[in-house]
Amino acid sequence: MIDLLHAILFTAMVAAGGLGLASVIMTFIPVITETMSADEVAKERVEYAFFGFAGIVIALVMILAMALS
């Protein structure tokens, strides 16, 4: 039964880590259109950075959960 728990934790870790890395990359490569102001671009970068680092932290918590279980 512990293998099932590890499989679920591993799936959550991979999903959170992948989305986190993608968001961090999008922080440095923003999508800018002609109609966007500088404030909107800055807001997008902050949002991507927040979700990216949150995803990475969740992935690290899943690694810790797998190690302690």
Protein backbone atom coordinates (compact mmCIF):
# COMPACT_ATOMS: atom_id res chain seq x y z
CA MET A 1 0.00 0.00 0.00
CA ILE A 2 2.95 2.31 0.60
CA ASP A 3 3.88 1.95 -3.07
CA LEU A 4 0.51 3.41 -4.03
CA LEU A 5 1.14 6.41 -1.75
CA HIS A 6 4.59 6.89 -3.28
CA ALA A 7 3.10 6.72 -6.78
CA ILE A 8 0.58 9.44 -5.94
CA LEU A 9 3.24 11.63 -4.31
CA PHE A 10 5.57 11.11 -7.27
CA THR A 11 2.81 12.10 -9.71
CA ALA A 12 2.09 15.26 -7.73
CA MET A 13 5.81 16.04 -7.57
CA VAL A 14 6.31 15.68 -11.32
CA ALA A 15 3.22 17.76 -12.12
CA ALA A 16 4.09 20.54 -9.67
CA GLY A 17 7.75 20.58 -10.67
CA GLY A 18 6.98 20.65 -14.39
CA LEU A 19 4.45 23.43 -14.10
CA GLY A 20 6.75 25.32 -11.74
CA LEU A 21 9.69 25.17 -14.13
CA ALA A 22 7.51 26.17 -17.06
CA SER A 23 6.22 29.19 -15.14
CA VAL A 24 9.73 30.24 -14.10
CA ILE A 25 10.84 30.04 -17.73
CA MET A 26 7.82 32.13 -18.78
CA THR A 27 8.92 34.75 -16.22
CA PHE A 28 12.02 35.38 -18.30
CA ILE A 29 10.33 34.98 -21.71
CA PRO A 30 7.06 36.92 -21.42
CA VAL A 31 4.45 37.08 -24.16
CA ILE A 32 4.10 40.76 -25.05
CA THR A 33 1.49 42.20 -27.41
CA GLU A 34 1.25 45.71 -28.79
CA THR A 35 -1.78 46.54 -26.63
CA MET A 36 -0.11 45.64 -23.31
CA SER A 37 1.20 48.41 -21.09
CA ALA A 38 4.38 48.15 -19.04
CA ASP A 39 2.29 47.63 -15.89
CA GLU A 40 0.49 44.64 -17.41
CA VAL A 41 3.78 43.07 -18.51
CA ALA A 42 5.22 43.52 -15.01
CA LYS A 43 2.07 42.04 -13.47
CA GLU A 44 2.32 38.99 -15.75
CA ARG A 45 5.97 38.47 -14.80
CA VAL A 46 5.17 38.61 -11.09
CA GLU A 47 2.31 36.13 -11.53
CA TYR A 48 4.47 33.70 -13.48
CA ALA A 49 7.28 33.97 -10.92
CA PHE A 50 4.88 33.39 -8.01
CA PHE A 51 3.28 30.33 -9.57
CA GLY A 52 6.67 29.01 -10.69
CA PHE A 53 8.29 29.19 -7.29
CA ALA A 54 5.12 27.91 -5.61
CA GLY A 55 5.17 24.88 -7.92
CA ILE A 56 8.82 24.21 -7.17
CA VAL A 57 8.18 24.45 -3.42
CA ILE A 58 5.26 22.02 -3.72
CA ALA A 59 7.51 19.62 -5.65
CA LEU A 60 10.12 19.84 -2.89
CA VAL A 61 7.46 19.16 -0.25
CA MET A 62 6.41 16.06 -2.21
CA ILE A 63 10.02 14.86 -2.27
CA LEU A 64 10.18 15.34 1.50
CA ALA A 65 6.89 13.48 1.94
CA MET A 66 8.21 10.55 -0.10
CA ALA A 67 11.42 10.46 1.91
CA LEU A 68 9.63 10.52 5.26
CA SER A 69 6.94 7.99 4.43
